[in-house]
Amino acid sequence: MQAAVGLPASEQSGSEPTAMLRLVSGTTRPGPARSEIVALYEAEFHGMARLAYLLCGNTQQADDLAHDAFVRLYEHWDRVNDPVKRRAYLRTILVNLAHSAHRRDNTARRHAGAPLLAAGGATTSAEDEAIWRSARPEVLAALGTLSERQRTAVVLRHWLGMTEGEIAEAMSCSVGSVRTHTARGHQNLALRLGGTR
């Protein structure tokens, strides 16, 4: 499924990690921490932005969520010393940020009386429309109709290939809940897509 997803705005424009470089240059952390976060950012940002896009369906919001996840990770850099665990912690931060953004967007739409968009974003840009129309639009549109928890579980399982235990940790829930959200997500996708895979 990864190849079927469009590129977030940052990847299309070829942006450099200037925001991260500005963040770390203004801190008093020792040099190794600064160089490690910049290296992690350069290696993982585009993947995190794609994951965020799958979770929220909005390219601008996805880039913001990915940037915010790296900032949060850097703020808590000393909590996790293992580089592998830092990547897992980064995914957890991103999932939590996407969850919070989804709640805020739903609250704003509910109070404004605006309809929910199938793509999951608060607004639809021309860039978002192009991504939704390209590369398996029926799958992306069907993902946009799932509940936030179902969508997160399905994306983490099938796009990142995470285990149920890893998904449970990222979503801050039990393995049983992950199984339930994944099964219901699959069921809803099957209803919407028919025989499409």
C-alpha atoms as a PDB file:
ATOM      1  CA  MET A   1       0.000   0.000   0.000  1.00  0.00           C
ATOM      2  CA  GLN A   2       2.919   2.366   0.591  1.00  0.00           C
ATOM      3  CA  ALA A   3       3.597   2.837  -3.121  1.00  0.00           C
ATOM      4  CA  ALA A   4      -0.043   3.756  -3.709  1.00  0.00           C
ATOM      5  CA  VAL A   5       0.100   6.795  -1.487  1.00  0.00           C
ATOM      6  CA  GLY A   6       0.876  10.273  -2.789  1.00  0.00           C
ATOM      7  CA  LEU A   7       3.692  12.366  -1.447  1.00  0.00           C
ATOM      8  CA  PRO A   8       3.215  14.862   1.356  1.00  0.00           C
ATOM      9  CA  ALA A   9       3.864  18.503   0.506  1.00  0.00           C
ATOM     10  CA  SER A  10       7.336  18.474   2.060  1.00  0.00           C
ATOM     11  CA  GLU A  11       8.444  15.586  -0.122  1.00  0.00           C
ATOM     12  CA  GLN A  12       7.008  17.110  -3.286  1.00  0.00           C
ATOM     13  CA  SER A  13       8.727  20.431  -2.715  1.00  0.00           C
ATOM     14  CA  GLY A  14      12.022  18.824  -1.705  1.00  0.00           C
ATOM     15  CA  SER A  15      12.154  20.777   1.555  1.00  0.00           C
ATOM     16  CA  GLU A  16      15.248  20.429   3.680  1.00  0.00           C
ATOM     17  CA  PRO A  17      15.144  19.872   7.421  1.00  0.00           C
ATOM     18  CA  THR A  18      15.590  23.591   8.098  1.00  0.00           C
ATOM     19  CA  ALA A  19      12.928  23.712  10.812  1.00  0.00           C
ATOM     20  CA  MET A  20      14.680  20.961  12.736  1.00  0.00           C
ATOM     21  CA  LEU A  21      18.051  22.611  12.255  1.00  0.00           C
ATOM     22  CA  ARG A  22      16.646  25.877  13.625  1.00  0.00           C
ATOM     23  CA  LEU A  23      15.181  24.008  16.594  1.00  0.00           C
ATOM     24  CA  VAL A  24      18.407  22.274  17.563  1.00  0.00           C
ATOM     25  CA  SER A  25      20.658  25.270  16.944  1.00  0.00           C
ATOM     26  CA  GLY A  26      18.740  27.268  19.550  1.00  0.00           C
ATOM     27  CA  THR A  27      19.169  24.712  22.324  1.00  0.00           C
ATOM     28  CA  THR A  28      21.879  24.025  24.854  1.00  0.00           C
ATOM     29  CA  ARG A  29      21.844  20.251  24.444  1.00  0.00           C
ATOM     30  CA  PRO A  30      25.232  18.652  23.880  1.00  0.00           C
ATOM     31  CA  GLY A  31      26.428  18.184  20.293  1.00  0.00           C
ATOM     32  CA  PRO A  32      25.779  14.416  20.029  1.00  0.00           C
ATOM     33  CA  ALA A  33      22.067  14.835  20.805  1.00  0.00           C
ATOM     34  CA  ARG A  34      21.813  17.589  18.220  1.00  0.00           C
ATOM     35  CA  SER A  35      23.541  15.584  15.524  1.00  0.00           C
ATOM     36  CA  GLU A  36      21.511  12.453  16.364  1.00  0.00           C
ATOM     37  CA  ILE A  37      18.139  14.212  16.080  1.00  0.00           C
ATOM     38  CA  VAL A  38      19.153  15.857  12.796  1.00  0.00           C
ATOM     39  CA  ALA A  39      20.284  12.476  11.415  1.00  0.00           C
ATOM     40  CA  LEU A  40      17.042  10.824  12.568  1.00  0.00           C
ATOM     41  CA  TYR A  41      15.010  13.659  11.065  1.00  0.00           C
ATOM     42  CA  GLU A  42      16.788  13.408   7.712  1.00  0.00           C
ATOM     43  CA  ALA A  43      16.339   9.611   7.641  1.00  0.00           C
ATOM     44  CA  GLU A  44      12.758   9.374   8.915  1.00  0.00           C
ATOM     45  CA  PHE A  45      10.871  12.611   8.198  1.00  0.00           C
ATOM     46  CA  HIS A  46       9.388  11.643   4.831  1.00  0.00           C
ATOM     47  CA  GLY A  47       8.248   8.268   6.160  1.00  0.00           C
ATOM     48  CA  MET A  48       6.648   9.935   9.180  1.00  0.00           C
ATOM     49  CA  ALA A  49       4.941  12.506   6.937  1.00  0.00           C
ATOM     50  CA  ARG A  50       3.527   9.704   4.768  1.00  0.00           C
ATOM     51  CA  LEU A  51       2.284   7.880   7.849  1.00  0.00           C
ATOM     52  CA  ALA A  52       0.700  11.090   9.127  1.00  0.00           C
ATOM     53  CA  TYR A  53      -0.977  11.574   5.739  1.00  0.00           C
ATOM     54  CA  LEU A  54      -2.499   8.107   5.921  1.00  0.00           C
ATOM     55  CA  LEU A  55      -3.759   8.892   9.419  1.00  0.00           C
ATOM     56  CA  CYS A  56      -5.243  12.316   8.662  1.00  0.00           C
ATOM     57  CA  GLY A  57      -5.725  12.539   4.871  1.00  0.00           C
ATOM     58  CA  ASN A  58      -4.469  16.127   4.613  1.00  0.00           C
ATOM     59  CA  THR A  59      -1.004  16.879   3.230  1.00  0.00           C
ATOM     60  CA  GLN A  60      -0.384  20.151   5.069  1.00  0.00           C
ATOM     61  CA  GLN A  61      -1.604  18.734   8.369  1.00  0.00           C
ATOM     62  CA  ALA A  62       0.524  15.615   7.806  1.00  0.00           C
ATOM     63  CA  ASP A  63       3.686  17.680   7.424  1.00  0.00           C
ATOM     64  CA  ASP A  64       2.813  19.688  10.535  1.00  0.00           C
ATOM     65  CA  LEU A  65       2.160  16.531  12.542  1.00  0.00           C
ATOM     66  CA  ALA A  66       5.449  14.972  11.427  1.00  0.00           C
ATOM     67  CA  HIS A  67       7.402  18.111  12.326  1.00  0.00           C
ATOM     68  CA  ASP A  68       5.642  18.347  15.690  1.00  0.00           C
ATOM     69  CA  ALA A  69       6.449  14.692  16.427  1.00  0.00           C
ATOM     70  CA  PHE A  70      10.172  15.338  15.944  1.00  0.00           C
ATOM     71  CA  VAL A  71      10.006  18.442  18.126  1.00  0.00           C
ATOM     72  CA  ARG A  72       8.285  16.459  20.902  1.00  0.00           C
ATOM     73  CA  LEU A  73      10.838  13.670  20.565  1.00  0.00           C
ATOM     74  CA  TYR A  74      13.670  16.166  20.859  1.00  0.00           C
ATOM     75  CA  GLU A  75      12.089  17.729  23.936  1.00  0.00           C
ATOM     76  CA  HIS A  76      12.126  14.270  25.578  1.00  0.00           C
ATOM     77  CA  TRP A  77      15.323  13.012  23.942  1.00  0.00           C
ATOM     78  CA  ASP A  78      16.930  11.845  27.195  1.00  0.00           C
ATOM     79  CA  ARG A  79      14.009   9.563  28.084  1.00  0.00           C
ATOM     80  CA  VAL A  80      14.852   7.009  25.397  1.00  0.00           C
ATOM     81  CA  ASN A  81      18.489   6.097  24.727  1.00  0.00           C
ATOM     82  CA  ASP A  82      18.014   3.166  22.342  1.00  0.00           C
ATOM     83  CA  PRO A  83      17.816   4.337  18.676  1.00  0.00           C
ATOM     84  CA  VAL A  84      15.302   1.581  17.804  1.00  0.00           C
ATOM     85  CA  LYS A  85      13.078   2.591  20.700  1.00  0.00           C
ATOM     86  CA  ARG A  86      13.366   6.231  19.647  1.00  0.00           C
ATOM     87  CA  ARG A  87      11.775   5.348  16.293  1.00  0.00           C
ATOM     88  CA  ALA A  88       8.963   3.494  18.074  1.00  0.00           C
ATOM     89  CA  TYR A  89       8.528   6.440  20.469  1.00  0.00           C
ATOM     90  CA  LEU A  90       8.423   8.789  17.467  1.00  0.00           C
ATOM     91  CA  ARG A  91       5.622   6.721  15.875  1.00  0.00           C
ATOM     92  CA  THR A  92       3.713   6.751  19.178  1.00  0.00           C
ATOM     93  CA  ILE A  93       4.055  10.530  19.409  1.00  0.00           C
ATOM     94  CA  LEU A  94       2.833  10.885  15.814  1.00  0.00           C
ATOM     95  CA  VAL A  95      -0.188   8.630  16.390  1.00  0.00           C
ATOM     96  CA  ASN A  96      -1.098  10.597  19.539  1.00  0.00           C
ATOM     97  CA  LEU A  97      -0.724  13.932  17.730  1.00  0.00           C
ATOM     98  CA  ALA A  98      -2.905  12.675  14.866  1.00  0.00           C
ATOM     99  CA  HIS A  99      -5.494  11.480  17.392  1.00  0.00           C
ATOM    100  CA  SER A 100      -5.534  14.895  19.088  1.00  0.00           C
ATOM    101  CA  ALA A 101      -5.785  16.705  15.742  1.00  0.00           C
ATOM    102  CA  HIS A 102      -8.663  14.445  14.708  1.00  0.00           C
ATOM    103  CA  ARG A 103     -10.537  15.243  17.928  1.00  0.00           C
ATOM    104  CA  ARG A 104      -9.938  18.986  17.483  1.00  0.00           C
ATOM    105  CA  ASP A 105     -11.089  18.857  13.850  1.00  0.00           C
ATOM    106  CA  ASN A 106     -14.236  16.926  14.764  1.00  0.00           C
ATOM    107  CA  THR A 107     -15.051  19.374  17.548  1.00  0.00           C
ATOM    108  CA  ALA A 108     -14.517  22.351  15.240  1.00  0.00           C
ATOM    109  CA  ARG A 109     -16.711  20.818  12.505  1.00  0.00           C
ATOM    110  CA  ARG A 110     -19.414  19.899  14.998  1.00  0.00           C
ATOM    111  CA  HIS A 111     -19.554  23.445  16.321  1.00  0.00           C
ATOM    112  CA  ALA A 112     -19.347  25.008  12.880  1.00  0.00           C
ATOM    113  CA  GLY A 113     -21.932  22.618  11.446  1.00  0.00           C
ATOM    114  CA  ALA A 114     -19.614  21.687   8.565  1.00  0.00           C
ATOM    115  CA  PRO A 115     -19.907  18.219   7.042  1.00  0.00           C
ATOM    116  CA  LEU A 116     -17.163  15.648   7.538  1.00  0.00           C
ATOM    117  CA  LEU A 117     -14.977  15.234   4.469  1.00  0.00           C
ATOM    118  CA  ALA A 118     -14.362  11.726   3.195  1.00  0.00           C
ATOM    119  CA  ALA A 119     -10.625  12.396   3.033  1.00  0.00           C
ATOM    120  CA  GLY A 120     -10.539  13.138   6.748  1.00  0.00           C
ATOM    121  CA  GLY A 121      -9.075  16.635   6.436  1.00  0.00           C
ATOM    122  CA  ALA A 122     -10.602  19.856   7.722  1.00  0.00           C
ATOM    123  CA  THR A 123     -10.074  21.503   4.341  1.00  0.00           C
ATOM    124  CA  THR A 124      -9.359  20.144   0.912  1.00  0.00           C
ATOM    125  CA  SER A 125      -6.591  21.709  -1.154  1.00  0.00           C
ATOM    126  CA  ALA A 126      -5.919  21.090  -4.824  1.00  0.00           C
ATOM    127  CA  GLU A 127      -2.912  19.014  -3.751  1.00  0.00           C
ATOM    128  CA  ASP A 128      -5.083  16.823  -1.523  1.00  0.00           C
ATOM    129  CA  GLU A 129      -7.612  16.378  -4.302  1.00  0.00           C
ATOM    130  CA  ALA A 130      -4.866  15.268  -6.710  1.00  0.00           C
ATOM    131  CA  ILE A 131      -3.558  12.715  -4.223  1.00  0.00           C
ATOM    132  CA  TRP A 132      -7.038  11.345  -3.519  1.00  0.00           C
ATOM    133  CA  ARG A 133      -7.728  11.026  -7.279  1.00  0.00           C
ATOM    134  CA  SER A 134      -4.431   9.277  -8.020  1.00  0.00           C
ATOM    135  CA  ALA A 135      -3.082   5.876  -7.004  1.00  0.00           C
ATOM    136  CA  ARG A 136      -5.923   3.711  -5.737  1.00  0.00           C
ATOM    137  CA  PRO A 137      -8.388   6.490  -4.941  1.00  0.00           C
ATOM    138  CA  GLU A 138     -11.006   3.946  -3.884  1.00  0.00           C
ATOM    139  CA  VAL A 139      -8.709   2.624  -1.153  1.00  0.00           C
ATOM    140  CA  LEU A 140      -7.802   6.093   0.122  1.00  0.00           C
ATOM    141  CA  ALA A 141     -11.445   7.189   0.037  1.00  0.00           C
ATOM    142  CA  ALA A 142     -12.489   4.038   1.911  1.00  0.00           C
ATOM    143  CA  LEU A 143      -9.784   4.681   4.528  1.00  0.00           C
ATOM    144  CA  GLY A 144     -11.269   8.149   4.987  1.00  0.00           C
ATOM    145  CA  THR A 145     -14.614   6.623   5.979  1.00  0.00           C
ATOM    146  CA  LEU A 146     -13.224   4.498   8.826  1.00  0.00           C
ATOM    147  CA  SER A 147     -13.328   5.638  12.405  1.00  0.00           C
ATOM    148  CA  GLU A 148     -10.101   7.229  13.558  1.00  0.00           C
ATOM    149  CA  ARG A 149      -9.085   4.214  15.682  1.00  0.00           C
ATOM    150  CA  GLN A 150      -9.905   1.711  12.897  1.00  0.00           C
ATOM    151  CA  ARG A 151      -7.978   3.769  10.364  1.00  0.00           C
ATOM    152  CA  THR A 152      -4.946   4.026  12.660  1.00  0.00           C
ATOM    153  CA  ALA A 153      -4.896   0.293  13.383  1.00  0.00           C
ATOM    154  CA  VAL A 154      -5.263  -0.669   9.710  1.00  0.00           C
ATOM    155  CA  VAL A 155      -2.625   1.807   8.522  1.00  0.00           C
ATOM    156  CA  LEU A 156      -0.080   0.795  11.173  1.00  0.00           C
ATOM    157  CA  ARG A 157      -0.677  -2.899  10.451  1.00  0.00           C
ATOM    158  CA  HIS A 158      -0.645  -2.859   6.673  1.00  0.00           C
ATOM    159  CA  TRP A 159       1.426   0.174   5.754  1.00  0.00           C
ATOM    160  CA  LEU A 160       4.128  -0.130   8.408  1.00  0.00           C
ATOM    161  CA  GLY A 161       3.752  -3.875   8.996  1.00  0.00           C
ATOM    162  CA  MET A 162       3.716  -3.389  12.765  1.00  0.00           C
ATOM    163  CA  THR A 163       2.786  -6.241  15.085  1.00  0.00           C
ATOM    164  CA  GLU A 164      -0.328  -6.084  17.228  1.00  0.00           C
ATOM    165  CA  GLY A 165       1.861  -5.432  20.271  1.00  0.00           C
ATOM    166  CA  GLU A 166       3.643  -2.529  18.563  1.00  0.00           C
ATOM    167  CA  ILE A 167       0.328  -1.077  17.427  1.00  0.00           C
ATOM    168  CA  ALA A 168      -1.084  -1.388  20.939  1.00  0.00           C
ATOM    169  CA  GLU A 169       1.903   0.523  22.289  1.00  0.00           C
ATOM    170  CA  ALA A 170       1.619   3.222  19.618  1.00  0.00           C
ATOM    171  CA  MET A 171      -2.139   3.608  20.155  1.00  0.00           C
ATOM    172  CA  SER A 172      -1.909   3.327  23.964  1.00  0.00           C
ATOM    173  CA  CYS A 173      -4.448   0.526  24.121  1.00  0.00           C
ATOM    174  CA  SER A 174      -4.591  -3.227  24.645  1.00  0.00           C
ATOM    175  CA  VAL A 175      -3.769  -5.857  22.022  1.00  0.00           C
ATOM    176  CA  GLY A 176      -7.420  -6.943  22.200  1.00  0.00           C
ATOM    177  CA  SER A 177      -8.516  -3.418  21.263  1.00  0.00           C
ATOM    178  CA  VAL A 178      -6.082  -3.436  18.343  1.00  0.00           C
ATOM    179  CA  ARG A 179      -7.575  -6.712  17.121  1.00  0.00           C
ATOM    180  CA  THR A 180     -11.084  -5.288  17.406  1.00  0.00           C
ATOM    181  CA  HIS A 181     -10.229  -2.031  15.589  1.00  0.00           C
ATOM    182  CA  THR A 182      -8.329  -3.904  12.868  1.00  0.00           C
ATOM    183  CA  ALA A 183     -11.104  -6.462  12.337  1.00  0.00           C
ATOM    184  CA  ARG A 184     -13.805  -3.790  12.184  1.00  0.00           C
ATOM    185  CA  GLY A 185     -11.635  -1.697   9.869  1.00  0.00           C
ATOM    186  CA  HIS A 186     -11.147  -4.674   7.540  1.00  0.00           C
ATOM    187  CA  GLN A 187     -14.866  -5.399   7.642  1.00  0.00           C
ATOM    188  CA  ASN A 188     -15.771  -1.799   6.786  1.00  0.00           C
ATOM    189  CA  LEU A 189     -13.161  -1.650   4.014  1.00  0.00           C
ATOM    190  CA  ALA A 190     -14.478  -4.914   2.551  1.00  0.00           C
ATOM    191  CA  LEU A 191     -18.014  -3.491   2.493  1.00  0.00           C
ATOM    192  CA  ARG A 192     -16.846  -0.321   0.756  1.00  0.00           C
ATOM    193  CA  LEU A 193     -14.383  -1.893  -1.661  1.00  0.00           C
ATOM    194  CA  GLY A 194     -16.055  -5.169  -2.513  1.00  0.00           C
ATOM    195  CA  GLY A 195     -13.415  -7.360  -4.140  1.00  0.00           C
ATOM    196  CA  THR A 196     -10.825  -4.545  -4.518  1.00  0.00           C
ATOM    197  CA  ARG A 197      -7.519  -5.104  -2.711  1.00  0.00           C
END
